[in-house]
Amino acid sequence: DQQRLRSEQLGPAEVEQIAARYAA
């Protein structure tokens, strides 16, 4: 997931999903 965040152009919804998952 960290590599995806670095290397891909993720949309806001994908970033928010990752954020929520990792906050929990």
PDBML (XML) file of the C-alpha atoms, coordinates in Angstrom:
<?xml version="1.0" encoding="UTF-8" ?>
<PDBx:datablock datablockName="MODEL"
   xmlns:PDBx="http://pdbml.pdb.org/schema/pdbx-v50.xsd"
   xmlns:xsi="http://www.w3.org/2001/XMLSchema-instance"
   xsi:schemaLocation="http://pdbml.pdb.org/schema/pdbx-v50.xsd pdbx-v50.xsd">
   <PDBx:atom_siteCategory>
      <PDBx:atom_site id="1">
         <PDBx:B_iso_or_equiv>0.00</PDBx:B_iso_or_equiv>
         <PDBx:Cartn_x>0.000</PDBx:Cartn_x>
         <PDBx:Cartn_y>0.000</PDBx:Cartn_y>
         <PDBx:Cartn_z>0.000</PDBx:Cartn_z>
         <PDBx:auth_asym_id>A</PDBx:auth_asym_id>
         <PDBx:auth_atom_id>CA</PDBx:auth_atom_id>
         <PDBx:auth_comp_id>ASP</PDBx:auth_comp_id>
         <PDBx:auth_seq_id>1</PDBx:auth_seq_id>
         <PDBx:group_PDB>ATOM</PDBx:group_PDB>
         <PDBx:label_alt_id xsi:nil="true" />
         <PDBx:label_asym_id>A</PDBx:label_asym_id>
         <PDBx:label_atom_id>CA</PDBx:label_atom_id>
         <PDBx:label_comp_id>ASP</PDBx:label_comp_id>
         <PDBx:label_entity_id>1</PDBx:label_entity_id>
         <PDBx:label_seq_id>1</PDBx:label_seq_id>
         <PDBx:occupancy>1.00</PDBx:occupancy>
         <PDBx:pdbx_PDB_model_num>1</PDBx:pdbx_PDB_model_num>
         <PDBx:type_symbol>C</PDBx:type_symbol>
      </PDBx:atom_site>
      <PDBx:atom_site id="2">
         <PDBx:B_iso_or_equiv>0.00</PDBx:B_iso_or_equiv>
         <PDBx:Cartn_x>2.863</PDBx:Cartn_x>
         <PDBx:Cartn_y>2.359</PDBx:Cartn_y>
         <PDBx:Cartn_z>0.799</PDBx:Cartn_z>
         <PDBx:auth_asym_id>A</PDBx:auth_asym_id>
         <PDBx:auth_atom_id>CA</PDBx:auth_atom_id>
         <PDBx:auth_comp_id>GLN</PDBx:auth_comp_id>
         <PDBx:auth_seq_id>2</PDBx:auth_seq_id>
         <PDBx:group_PDB>ATOM</PDBx:group_PDB>
         <PDBx:label_alt_id xsi:nil="true" />
         <PDBx:label_asym_id>A</PDBx:label_asym_id>
         <PDBx:label_atom_id>CA</PDBx:label_atom_id>
         <PDBx:label_comp_id>GLN</PDBx:label_comp_id>
         <PDBx:label_entity_id>1</PDBx:label_entity_id>
         <PDBx:label_seq_id>2</PDBx:label_seq_id>
         <PDBx:occupancy>1.00</PDBx:occupancy>
         <PDBx:pdbx_PDB_model_num>1</PDBx:pdbx_PDB_model_num>
         <PDBx:type_symbol>C</PDBx:type_symbol>
      </PDBx:atom_site>
      <PDBx:atom_site id="3">
         <PDBx:B_iso_or_equiv>0.00</PDBx:B_iso_or_equiv>
         <PDBx:Cartn_x>4.350</PDBx:Cartn_x>
         <PDBx:Cartn_y>1.722</PDBx:Cartn_y>
         <PDBx:Cartn_z>-2.638</PDBx:Cartn_z>
         <PDBx:auth_asym_id>A</PDBx:auth_asym_id>
         <PDBx:auth_atom_id>CA</PDBx:auth_atom_id>
         <PDBx:auth_comp_id>GLN</PDBx:auth_comp_id>
         <PDBx:auth_seq_id>3</PDBx:auth_seq_id>
         <PDBx:group_PDB>ATOM</PDBx:group_PDB>
         <PDBx:label_alt_id xsi:nil="true" />
         <PDBx:label_asym_id>A</PDBx:label_asym_id>
         <PDBx:label_atom_id>CA</PDBx:label_atom_id>
         <PDBx:label_comp_id>GLN</PDBx:label_comp_id>
         <PDBx:label_entity_id>1</PDBx:label_entity_id>
         <PDBx:label_seq_id>3</PDBx:label_seq_id>
         <PDBx:occupancy>1.00</PDBx:occupancy>
         <PDBx:pdbx_PDB_model_num>1</PDBx:pdbx_PDB_model_num>
         <PDBx:type_symbol>C</PDBx:type_symbol>
      </PDBx:atom_site>
      <PDBx:atom_site id="4">
         <PDBx:B_iso_or_equiv>0.00</PDBx:B_iso_or_equiv>
         <PDBx:Cartn_x>0.964</PDBx:Cartn_x>
         <PDBx:Cartn_y>2.366</PDBx:Cartn_y>
         <PDBx:Cartn_z>-4.272</PDBx:Cartn_z>
         <PDBx:auth_asym_id>A</PDBx:auth_asym_id>
         <PDBx:auth_atom_id>CA</PDBx:auth_atom_id>
         <PDBx:auth_comp_id>ARG</PDBx:auth_comp_id>
         <PDBx:auth_seq_id>4</PDBx:auth_seq_id>
         <PDBx:group_PDB>ATOM</PDBx:group_PDB>
         <PDBx:label_alt_id xsi:nil="true" />
         <PDBx:label_asym_id>A</PDBx:label_asym_id>
         <PDBx:label_atom_id>CA</PDBx:label_atom_id>
         <PDBx:label_comp_id>ARG</PDBx:label_comp_id>
         <PDBx:label_entity_id>1</PDBx:label_entity_id>
         <PDBx:label_seq_id>4</PDBx:label_seq_id>
         <PDBx:occupancy>1.00</PDBx:occupancy>
         <PDBx:pdbx_PDB_model_num>1</PDBx:pdbx_PDB_model_num>
         <PDBx:type_symbol>C</PDBx:type_symbol>
      </PDBx:atom_site>
      <PDBx:atom_site id="5">
         <PDBx:B_iso_or_equiv>0.00</PDBx:B_iso_or_equiv>
         <PDBx:Cartn_x>0.733</PDBx:Cartn_x>
         <PDBx:Cartn_y>5.691</PDBx:Cartn_y>
         <PDBx:Cartn_z>-2.471</PDBx:Cartn_z>
         <PDBx:auth_asym_id>A</PDBx:auth_asym_id>
         <PDBx:auth_atom_id>CA</PDBx:auth_atom_id>
         <PDBx:auth_comp_id>LEU</PDBx:auth_comp_id>
         <PDBx:auth_seq_id>5</PDBx:auth_seq_id>
         <PDBx:group_PDB>ATOM</PDBx:group_PDB>
         <PDBx:label_alt_id xsi:nil="true" />
         <PDBx:label_asym_id>A</PDBx:label_asym_id>
         <PDBx:label_atom_id>CA</PDBx:label_atom_id>
         <PDBx:label_comp_id>LEU</PDBx:label_comp_id>
         <PDBx:label_entity_id>1</PDBx:label_entity_id>
         <PDBx:label_seq_id>5</PDBx:label_seq_id>
         <PDBx:occupancy>1.00</PDBx:occupancy>
         <PDBx:pdbx_PDB_model_num>1</PDBx:pdbx_PDB_model_num>
         <PDBx:type_symbol>C</PDBx:type_symbol>
      </PDBx:atom_site>
      <PDBx:atom_site id="6">
         <PDBx:B_iso_or_equiv>0.00</PDBx:B_iso_or_equiv>
         <PDBx:Cartn_x>4.192</PDBx:Cartn_x>
         <PDBx:Cartn_y>6.638</PDBx:Cartn_y>
         <PDBx:Cartn_z>-3.739</PDBx:Cartn_z>
         <PDBx:auth_asym_id>A</PDBx:auth_asym_id>
         <PDBx:auth_atom_id>CA</PDBx:auth_atom_id>
         <PDBx:auth_comp_id>ARG</PDBx:auth_comp_id>
         <PDBx:auth_seq_id>6</PDBx:auth_seq_id>
         <PDBx:group_PDB>ATOM</PDBx:group_PDB>
         <PDBx:label_alt_id xsi:nil="true" />
         <PDBx:label_asym_id>A</PDBx:label_asym_id>
         <PDBx:label_atom_id>CA</PDBx:label_atom_id>
         <PDBx:label_comp_id>ARG</PDBx:label_comp_id>
         <PDBx:label_entity_id>1</PDBx:label_entity_id>
         <PDBx:label_seq_id>6</PDBx:label_seq_id>
         <PDBx:occupancy>1.00</PDBx:occupancy>
         <PDBx:pdbx_PDB_model_num>1</PDBx:pdbx_PDB_model_num>
         <PDBx:type_symbol>C</PDBx:type_symbol>
      </PDBx:atom_site>
      <PDBx:atom_site id="7">
         <PDBx:B_iso_or_equiv>0.00</PDBx:B_iso_or_equiv>
         <PDBx:Cartn_x>4.019</PDBx:Cartn_x>
         <PDBx:Cartn_y>5.428</PDBx:Cartn_y>
         <PDBx:Cartn_z>-7.311</PDBx:Cartn_z>
         <PDBx:auth_asym_id>A</PDBx:auth_asym_id>
         <PDBx:auth_atom_id>CA</PDBx:auth_atom_id>
         <PDBx:auth_comp_id>SER</PDBx:auth_comp_id>
         <PDBx:auth_seq_id>7</PDBx:auth_seq_id>
         <PDBx:group_PDB>ATOM</PDBx:group_PDB>
         <PDBx:label_alt_id xsi:nil="true" />
         <PDBx:label_asym_id>A</PDBx:label_asym_id>
         <PDBx:label_atom_id>CA</PDBx:label_atom_id>
         <PDBx:label_comp_id>SER</PDBx:label_comp_id>
         <PDBx:label_entity_id>1</PDBx:label_entity_id>
         <PDBx:label_seq_id>7</PDBx:label_seq_id>
         <PDBx:occupancy>1.00</PDBx:occupancy>
         <PDBx:pdbx_PDB_model_num>1</PDBx:pdbx_PDB_model_num>
         <PDBx:type_symbol>C</PDBx:type_symbol>
      </PDBx:atom_site>
      <PDBx:atom_site id="8">
         <PDBx:B_iso_or_equiv>0.00</PDBx:B_iso_or_equiv>
         <PDBx:Cartn_x>0.419</PDBx:Cartn_x>
         <PDBx:Cartn_y>5.700</PDBx:Cartn_y>
         <PDBx:Cartn_z>-8.475</PDBx:Cartn_z>
         <PDBx:auth_asym_id>A</PDBx:auth_asym_id>
         <PDBx:auth_atom_id>CA</PDBx:auth_atom_id>
         <PDBx:auth_comp_id>GLU</PDBx:auth_comp_id>
         <PDBx:auth_seq_id>8</PDBx:auth_seq_id>
         <PDBx:group_PDB>ATOM</PDBx:group_PDB>
         <PDBx:label_alt_id xsi:nil="true" />
         <PDBx:label_asym_id>A</PDBx:label_asym_id>
         <PDBx:label_atom_id>CA</PDBx:label_atom_id>
         <PDBx:label_comp_id>GLU</PDBx:label_comp_id>
         <PDBx:label_entity_id>1</PDBx:label_entity_id>
         <PDBx:label_seq_id>8</PDBx:label_seq_id>
         <PDBx:occupancy>1.00</PDBx:occupancy>
         <PDBx:pdbx_PDB_model_num>1</PDBx:pdbx_PDB_model_num>
         <PDBx:type_symbol>C</PDBx:type_symbol>
      </PDBx:atom_site>
      <PDBx:atom_site id="9">
         <PDBx:B_iso_or_equiv>0.00</PDBx:B_iso_or_equiv>
         <PDBx:Cartn_x>-1.867</PDBx:Cartn_x>
         <PDBx:Cartn_y>8.601</PDBx:Cartn_y>
         <PDBx:Cartn_z>-9.084</PDBx:Cartn_z>
         <PDBx:auth_asym_id>A</PDBx:auth_asym_id>
         <PDBx:auth_atom_id>CA</PDBx:auth_atom_id>
         <PDBx:auth_comp_id>GLN</PDBx:auth_comp_id>
         <PDBx:auth_seq_id>9</PDBx:auth_seq_id>
         <PDBx:group_PDB>ATOM</PDBx:group_PDB>
         <PDBx:label_alt_id xsi:nil="true" />
         <PDBx:label_asym_id>A</PDBx:label_asym_id>
         <PDBx:label_atom_id>CA</PDBx:label_atom_id>
         <PDBx:label_comp_id>GLN</PDBx:label_comp_id>
         <PDBx:label_entity_id>1</PDBx:label_entity_id>
         <PDBx:label_seq_id>9</PDBx:label_seq_id>
         <PDBx:occupancy>1.00</PDBx:occupancy>
         <PDBx:pdbx_PDB_model_num>1</PDBx:pdbx_PDB_model_num>
         <PDBx:type_symbol>C</PDBx:type_symbol>
      </PDBx:atom_site>
      <PDBx:atom_site id="10">
         <PDBx:B_iso_or_equiv>0.00</PDBx:B_iso_or_equiv>
         <PDBx:Cartn_x>-4.642</PDBx:Cartn_x>
         <PDBx:Cartn_y>7.556</PDBx:Cartn_y>
         <PDBx:Cartn_z>-6.730</PDBx:Cartn_z>
         <PDBx:auth_asym_id>A</PDBx:auth_asym_id>
         <PDBx:auth_atom_id>CA</PDBx:auth_atom_id>
         <PDBx:auth_comp_id>LEU</PDBx:auth_comp_id>
         <PDBx:auth_seq_id>10</PDBx:auth_seq_id>
         <PDBx:group_PDB>ATOM</PDBx:group_PDB>
         <PDBx:label_alt_id xsi:nil="true" />
         <PDBx:label_asym_id>A</PDBx:label_asym_id>
         <PDBx:label_atom_id>CA</PDBx:label_atom_id>
         <PDBx:label_comp_id>LEU</PDBx:label_comp_id>
         <PDBx:label_entity_id>1</PDBx:label_entity_id>
         <PDBx:label_seq_id>10</PDBx:label_seq_id>
         <PDBx:occupancy>1.00</PDBx:occupancy>
         <PDBx:pdbx_PDB_model_num>1</PDBx:pdbx_PDB_model_num>
         <PDBx:type_symbol>C</PDBx:type_symbol>
      </PDBx:atom_site>
      <PDBx:atom_site id="11">
         <PDBx:B_iso_or_equiv>0.00</PDBx:B_iso_or_equiv>
         <PDBx:Cartn_x>-7.943</PDBx:Cartn_x>
         <PDBx:Cartn_y>9.341</PDBx:Cartn_y>
         <PDBx:Cartn_z>-6.739</PDBx:Cartn_z>
         <PDBx:auth_asym_id>A</PDBx:auth_asym_id>
         <PDBx:auth_atom_id>CA</PDBx:auth_atom_id>
         <PDBx:auth_comp_id>GLY</PDBx:auth_comp_id>
         <PDBx:auth_seq_id>11</PDBx:auth_seq_id>
         <PDBx:group_PDB>ATOM</PDBx:group_PDB>
         <PDBx:label_alt_id xsi:nil="true" />
         <PDBx:label_asym_id>A</PDBx:label_asym_id>
         <PDBx:label_atom_id>CA</PDBx:label_atom_id>
         <PDBx:label_comp_id>GLY</PDBx:label_comp_id>
         <PDBx:label_entity_id>1</PDBx:label_entity_id>
         <PDBx:label_seq_id>11</PDBx:label_seq_id>
         <PDBx:occupancy>1.00</PDBx:occupancy>
         <PDBx:pdbx_PDB_model_num>1</PDBx:pdbx_PDB_model_num>
         <PDBx:type_symbol>C</PDBx:type_symbol>
      </PDBx:atom_site>
      <PDBx:atom_site id="12">
         <PDBx:B_iso_or_equiv>0.00</PDBx:B_iso_or_equiv>
         <PDBx:Cartn_x>-9.221</PDBx:Cartn_x>
         <PDBx:Cartn_y>11.082</PDBx:Cartn_y>
         <PDBx:Cartn_z>-3.625</PDBx:Cartn_z>
         <PDBx:auth_asym_id>A</PDBx:auth_asym_id>
         <PDBx:auth_atom_id>CA</PDBx:auth_atom_id>
         <PDBx:auth_comp_id>PRO</PDBx:auth_comp_id>
         <PDBx:auth_seq_id>12</PDBx:auth_seq_id>
         <PDBx:group_PDB>ATOM</PDBx:group_PDB>
         <PDBx:label_alt_id xsi:nil="true" />
         <PDBx:label_asym_id>A</PDBx:label_asym_id>
         <PDBx:label_atom_id>CA</PDBx:label_atom_id>
         <PDBx:label_comp_id>PRO</PDBx:label_comp_id>
         <PDBx:label_entity_id>1</PDBx:label_entity_id>
         <PDBx:label_seq_id>12</PDBx:label_seq_id>
         <PDBx:occupancy>1.00</PDBx:occupancy>
         <PDBx:pdbx_PDB_model_num>1</PDBx:pdbx_PDB_model_num>
         <PDBx:type_symbol>C</PDBx:type_symbol>
      </PDBx:atom_site>
      <PDBx:atom_site id="13">
         <PDBx:B_iso_or_equiv>0.00</PDBx:B_iso_or_equiv>
         <PDBx:Cartn_x>-11.657</PDBx:Cartn_x>
         <PDBx:Cartn_y>8.267</PDBx:Cartn_y>
         <PDBx:Cartn_z>-2.874</PDBx:Cartn_z>
         <PDBx:auth_asym_id>A</PDBx:auth_asym_id>
         <PDBx:auth_atom_id>CA</PDBx:auth_atom_id>
         <PDBx:auth_comp_id>ALA</PDBx:auth_comp_id>
         <PDBx:auth_seq_id>13</PDBx:auth_seq_id>
         <PDBx:group_PDB>ATOM</PDBx:group_PDB>
         <PDBx:label_alt_id xsi:nil="true" />
         <PDBx:label_asym_id>A</PDBx:label_asym_id>
         <PDBx:label_atom_id>CA</PDBx:label_atom_id>
         <PDBx:label_comp_id>ALA</PDBx:label_comp_id>
         <PDBx:label_entity_id>1</PDBx:label_entity_id>
         <PDBx:label_seq_id>13</PDBx:label_seq_id>
         <PDBx:occupancy>1.00</PDBx:occupancy>
         <PDBx:pdbx_PDB_model_num>1</PDBx:pdbx_PDB_model_num>
         <PDBx:type_symbol>C</PDBx:type_symbol>
      </PDBx:atom_site>
      <PDBx:atom_site id="14">
         <PDBx:B_iso_or_equiv>0.00</PDBx:B_iso_or_equiv>
         <PDBx:Cartn_x>-8.861</PDBx:Cartn_x>
         <PDBx:Cartn_y>5.658</PDBx:Cartn_y>
         <PDBx:Cartn_z>-2.941</PDBx:Cartn_z>
         <PDBx:auth_asym_id>A</PDBx:auth_asym_id>
         <PDBx:auth_atom_id>CA</PDBx:auth_atom_id>
         <PDBx:auth_comp_id>GLU</PDBx:auth_comp_id>
         <PDBx:auth_seq_id>14</PDBx:auth_seq_id>
         <PDBx:group_PDB>ATOM</PDBx:group_PDB>
         <PDBx:label_alt_id xsi:nil="true" />
         <PDBx:label_asym_id>A</PDBx:label_asym_id>
         <PDBx:label_atom_id>CA</PDBx:label_atom_id>
         <PDBx:label_comp_id>GLU</PDBx:label_comp_id>
         <PDBx:label_entity_id>1</PDBx:label_entity_id>
         <PDBx:label_seq_id>14</PDBx:label_seq_id>
         <PDBx:occupancy>1.00</PDBx:occupancy>
         <PDBx:pdbx_PDB_model_num>1</PDBx:pdbx_PDB_model_num>
         <PDBx:type_symbol>C</PDBx:type_symbol>
      </PDBx:atom_site>
      <PDBx:atom_site id="15">
         <PDBx:B_iso_or_equiv>0.00</PDBx:B_iso_or_equiv>
         <PDBx:Cartn_x>-6.632</PDBx:Cartn_x>
         <PDBx:Cartn_y>7.765</PDBx:Cartn_y>
         <PDBx:Cartn_z>-0.697</PDBx:Cartn_z>
         <PDBx:auth_asym_id>A</PDBx:auth_asym_id>
         <PDBx:auth_atom_id>CA</PDBx:auth_atom_id>
         <PDBx:auth_comp_id>VAL</PDBx:auth_comp_id>
         <PDBx:auth_seq_id>15</PDBx:auth_seq_id>
         <PDBx:group_PDB>ATOM</PDBx:group_PDB>
         <PDBx:label_alt_id xsi:nil="true" />
         <PDBx:label_asym_id>A</PDBx:label_asym_id>
         <PDBx:label_atom_id>CA</PDBx:label_atom_id>
         <PDBx:label_comp_id>VAL</PDBx:label_comp_id>
         <PDBx:label_entity_id>1</PDBx:label_entity_id>
         <PDBx:label_seq_id>15</PDBx:label_seq_id>
         <PDBx:occupancy>1.00</PDBx:occupancy>
         <PDBx:pdbx_PDB_model_num>1</PDBx:pdbx_PDB_model_num>
         <PDBx:type_symbol>C</PDBx:type_symbol>
      </PDBx:atom_site>
      <PDBx:atom_site id="16">
         <PDBx:B_iso_or_equiv>0.00</PDBx:B_iso_or_equiv>
         <PDBx:Cartn_x>-9.536</PDBx:Cartn_x>
         <PDBx:Cartn_y>8.254</PDBx:Cartn_y>
         <PDBx:Cartn_z>1.717</PDBx:Cartn_z>
         <PDBx:auth_asym_id>A</PDBx:auth_asym_id>
         <PDBx:auth_atom_id>CA</PDBx:auth_atom_id>
         <PDBx:auth_comp_id>GLU</PDBx:auth_comp_id>
         <PDBx:auth_seq_id>16</PDBx:auth_seq_id>
         <PDBx:group_PDB>ATOM</PDBx:group_PDB>
         <PDBx:label_alt_id xsi:nil="true" />
         <PDBx:label_asym_id>A</PDBx:label_asym_id>
         <PDBx:label_atom_id>CA</PDBx:label_atom_id>
         <PDBx:label_comp_id>GLU</PDBx:label_comp_id>
         <PDBx:label_entity_id>1</PDBx:label_entity_id>
         <PDBx:label_seq_id>16</PDBx:label_seq_id>
         <PDBx:occupancy>1.00</PDBx:occupancy>
         <PDBx:pdbx_PDB_model_num>1</PDBx:pdbx_PDB_model_num>
         <PDBx:type_symbol>C</PDBx:type_symbol>
      </PDBx:atom_site>
      <PDBx:atom_site id="17">
         <PDBx:B_iso_or_equiv>0.00</PDBx:B_iso_or_equiv>
         <PDBx:Cartn_x>-10.225</PDBx:Cartn_x>
         <PDBx:Cartn_y>4.515</PDBx:Cartn_y>
         <PDBx:Cartn_z>1.816</PDBx:Cartn_z>
         <PDBx:auth_asym_id>A</PDBx:auth_asym_id>
         <PDBx:auth_atom_id>CA</PDBx:auth_atom_id>
         <PDBx:auth_comp_id>GLN</PDBx:auth_comp_id>
         <PDBx:auth_seq_id>17</PDBx:auth_seq_id>
         <PDBx:group_PDB>ATOM</PDBx:group_PDB>
         <PDBx:label_alt_id xsi:nil="true" />
         <PDBx:label_asym_id>A</PDBx:label_asym_id>
         <PDBx:label_atom_id>CA</PDBx:label_atom_id>
         <PDBx:label_comp_id>GLN</PDBx:label_comp_id>
         <PDBx:label_entity_id>1</PDBx:label_entity_id>
         <PDBx:label_seq_id>17</PDBx:label_seq_id>
         <PDBx:occupancy>1.00</PDBx:occupancy>
         <PDBx:pdbx_PDB_model_num>1</PDBx:pdbx_PDB_model_num>
         <PDBx:type_symbol>C</PDBx:type_symbol>
      </PDBx:atom_site>
      <PDBx:atom_site id="18">
         <PDBx:B_iso_or_equiv>0.00</PDBx:B_iso_or_equiv>
         <PDBx:Cartn_x>-6.580</PDBx:Cartn_x>
         <PDBx:Cartn_y>3.792</PDBx:Cartn_y>
         <PDBx:Cartn_z>2.583</PDBx:Cartn_z>
         <PDBx:auth_asym_id>A</PDBx:auth_asym_id>
         <PDBx:auth_atom_id>CA</PDBx:auth_atom_id>
         <PDBx:auth_comp_id>ILE</PDBx:auth_comp_id>
         <PDBx:auth_seq_id>18</PDBx:auth_seq_id>
         <PDBx:group_PDB>ATOM</PDBx:group_PDB>
         <PDBx:label_alt_id xsi:nil="true" />
         <PDBx:label_asym_id>A</PDBx:label_asym_id>
         <PDBx:label_atom_id>CA</PDBx:label_atom_id>
         <PDBx:label_comp_id>ILE</PDBx:label_comp_id>
         <PDBx:label_entity_id>1</PDBx:label_entity_id>
         <PDBx:label_seq_id>18</PDBx:label_seq_id>
         <PDBx:occupancy>1.00</PDBx:occupancy>
         <PDBx:pdbx_PDB_model_num>1</PDBx:pdbx_PDB_model_num>
         <PDBx:type_symbol>C</PDBx:type_symbol>
      </PDBx:atom_site>
      <PDBx:atom_site id="19">
         <PDBx:B_iso_or_equiv>0.00</PDBx:B_iso_or_equiv>
         <PDBx:Cartn_x>-6.592</PDBx:Cartn_x>
         <PDBx:Cartn_y>6.533</PDBx:Cartn_y>
         <PDBx:Cartn_z>5.231</PDBx:Cartn_z>
         <PDBx:auth_asym_id>A</PDBx:auth_asym_id>
         <PDBx:auth_atom_id>CA</PDBx:auth_atom_id>
         <PDBx:auth_comp_id>ALA</PDBx:auth_comp_id>
         <PDBx:auth_seq_id>19</PDBx:auth_seq_id>
         <PDBx:group_PDB>ATOM</PDBx:group_PDB>
         <PDBx:label_alt_id xsi:nil="true" />
         <PDBx:label_asym_id>A</PDBx:label_asym_id>
         <PDBx:label_atom_id>CA</PDBx:label_atom_id>
         <PDBx:label_comp_id>ALA</PDBx:label_comp_id>
         <PDBx:label_entity_id>1</PDBx:label_entity_id>
         <PDBx:label_seq_id>19</PDBx:label_seq_id>
         <PDBx:occupancy>1.00</PDBx:occupancy>
         <PDBx:pdbx_PDB_model_num>1</PDBx:pdbx_PDB_model_num>
         <PDBx:type_symbol>C</PDBx:type_symbol>
      </PDBx:atom_site>
      <PDBx:atom_site id="20">
         <PDBx:B_iso_or_equiv>0.00</PDBx:B_iso_or_equiv>
         <PDBx:Cartn_x>-9.654</PDBx:Cartn_x>
         <PDBx:Cartn_y>5.123</PDBx:Cartn_y>
         <PDBx:Cartn_z>6.966</PDBx:Cartn_z>
         <PDBx:auth_asym_id>A</PDBx:auth_asym_id>
         <PDBx:auth_atom_id>CA</PDBx:auth_atom_id>
         <PDBx:auth_comp_id>ALA</PDBx:auth_comp_id>
         <PDBx:auth_seq_id>20</PDBx:auth_seq_id>
         <PDBx:group_PDB>ATOM</PDBx:group_PDB>
         <PDBx:label_alt_id xsi:nil="true" />
         <PDBx:label_asym_id>A</PDBx:label_asym_id>
         <PDBx:label_atom_id>CA</PDBx:label_atom_id>
         <PDBx:label_comp_id>ALA</PDBx:label_comp_id>
         <PDBx:label_entity_id>1</PDBx:label_entity_id>
         <PDBx:label_seq_id>20</PDBx:label_seq_id>
         <PDBx:occupancy>1.00</PDBx:occupancy>
         <PDBx:pdbx_PDB_model_num>1</PDBx:pdbx_PDB_model_num>
         <PDBx:type_symbol>C</PDBx:type_symbol>
      </PDBx:atom_site>
      <PDBx:atom_site id="21">
         <PDBx:B_iso_or_equiv>0.00</PDBx:B_iso_or_equiv>
         <PDBx:Cartn_x>-8.348</PDBx:Cartn_x>
         <PDBx:Cartn_y>1.565</PDBx:Cartn_y>
         <PDBx:Cartn_z>6.856</PDBx:Cartn_z>
         <PDBx:auth_asym_id>A</PDBx:auth_asym_id>
         <PDBx:auth_atom_id>CA</PDBx:auth_atom_id>
         <PDBx:auth_comp_id>ARG</PDBx:auth_comp_id>
         <PDBx:auth_seq_id>21</PDBx:auth_seq_id>
         <PDBx:group_PDB>ATOM</PDBx:group_PDB>
         <PDBx:label_alt_id xsi:nil="true" />
         <PDBx:label_asym_id>A</PDBx:label_asym_id>
         <PDBx:label_atom_id>CA</PDBx:label_atom_id>
         <PDBx:label_comp_id>ARG</PDBx:label_comp_id>
         <PDBx:label_entity_id>1</PDBx:label_entity_id>
         <PDBx:label_seq_id>21</PDBx:label_seq_id>
         <PDBx:occupancy>1.00</PDBx:occupancy>
         <PDBx:pdbx_PDB_model_num>1</PDBx:pdbx_PDB_model_num>
         <PDBx:type_symbol>C</PDBx:type_symbol>
      </PDBx:atom_site>
      <PDBx:atom_site id="22">
         <PDBx:B_iso_or_equiv>0.00</PDBx:B_iso_or_equiv>
         <PDBx:Cartn_x>-4.979</PDBx:Cartn_x>
         <PDBx:Cartn_y>2.539</PDBx:Cartn_y>
         <PDBx:Cartn_z>8.316</PDBx:Cartn_z>
         <PDBx:auth_asym_id>A</PDBx:auth_asym_id>
         <PDBx:auth_atom_id>CA</PDBx:auth_atom_id>
         <PDBx:auth_comp_id>TYR</PDBx:auth_comp_id>
         <PDBx:auth_seq_id>22</PDBx:auth_seq_id>
         <PDBx:group_PDB>ATOM</PDBx:group_PDB>
         <PDBx:label_alt_id xsi:nil="true" />
         <PDBx:label_asym_id>A</PDBx:label_asym_id>
         <PDBx:label_atom_id>CA</PDBx:label_atom_id>
         <PDBx:label_comp_id>TYR</PDBx:label_comp_id>
         <PDBx:label_entity_id>1</PDBx:label_entity_id>
         <PDBx:label_seq_id>22</PDBx:label_seq_id>
         <PDBx:occupancy>1.00</PDBx:occupancy>
         <PDBx:pdbx_PDB_model_num>1</PDBx:pdbx_PDB_model_num>
         <PDBx:type_symbol>C</PDBx:type_symbol>
      </PDBx:atom_site>
      <PDBx:atom_site id="23">
         <PDBx:B_iso_or_equiv>0.00</PDBx:B_iso_or_equiv>
         <PDBx:Cartn_x>-6.466</PDBx:Cartn_x>
         <PDBx:Cartn_y>4.846</PDBx:Cartn_y>
         <PDBx:Cartn_z>10.956</PDBx:Cartn_z>
         <PDBx:auth_asym_id>A</PDBx:auth_asym_id>
         <PDBx:auth_atom_id>CA</PDBx:auth_atom_id>
         <PDBx:auth_comp_id>ALA</PDBx:auth_comp_id>
         <PDBx:auth_seq_id>23</PDBx:auth_seq_id>
         <PDBx:group_PDB>ATOM</PDBx:group_PDB>
         <PDBx:label_alt_id xsi:nil="true" />
         <PDBx:label_asym_id>A</PDBx:label_asym_id>
         <PDBx:label_atom_id>CA</PDBx:label_atom_id>
         <PDBx:label_comp_id>ALA</PDBx:label_comp_id>
         <PDBx:label_entity_id>1</PDBx:label_entity_id>
         <PDBx:label_seq_id>23</PDBx:label_seq_id>
         <PDBx:occupancy>1.00</PDBx:occupancy>
         <PDBx:pdbx_PDB_model_num>1</PDBx:pdbx_PDB_model_num>
         <PDBx:type_symbol>C</PDBx:type_symbol>
      </PDBx:atom_site>
      <PDBx:atom_site id="24">
         <PDBx:B_iso_or_equiv>0.00</PDBx:B_iso_or_equiv>
         <PDBx:Cartn_x>-8.550</PDBx:Cartn_x>
         <PDBx:Cartn_y>1.912</PDBx:Cartn_y>
         <PDBx:Cartn_z>12.219</PDBx:Cartn_z>
         <PDBx:auth_asym_id>A</PDBx:auth_asym_id>
         <PDBx:auth_atom_id>CA</PDBx:auth_atom_id>
         <PDBx:auth_comp_id>ALA</PDBx:auth_comp_id>
         <PDBx:auth_seq_id>24</PDBx:auth_seq_id>
         <PDBx:group_PDB>ATOM</PDBx:group_PDB>
         <PDBx:label_alt_id xsi:nil="true" />
         <PDBx:label_asym_id>A</PDBx:label_asym_id>
         <PDBx:label_atom_id>CA</PDBx:label_atom_id>
         <PDBx:label_comp_id>ALA</PDBx:label_comp_id>
         <PDBx:label_entity_id>1</PDBx:label_entity_id>
         <PDBx:label_seq_id>24</PDBx:label_seq_id>
         <PDBx:occupancy>1.00</PDBx:occupancy>
         <PDBx:pdbx_PDB_model_num>1</PDBx:pdbx_PDB_model_num>
         <PDBx:type_symbol>C</PDBx:type_symbol>
      </PDBx:atom_site>
   </PDBx:atom_siteCategory>
</PDBx:datablock>
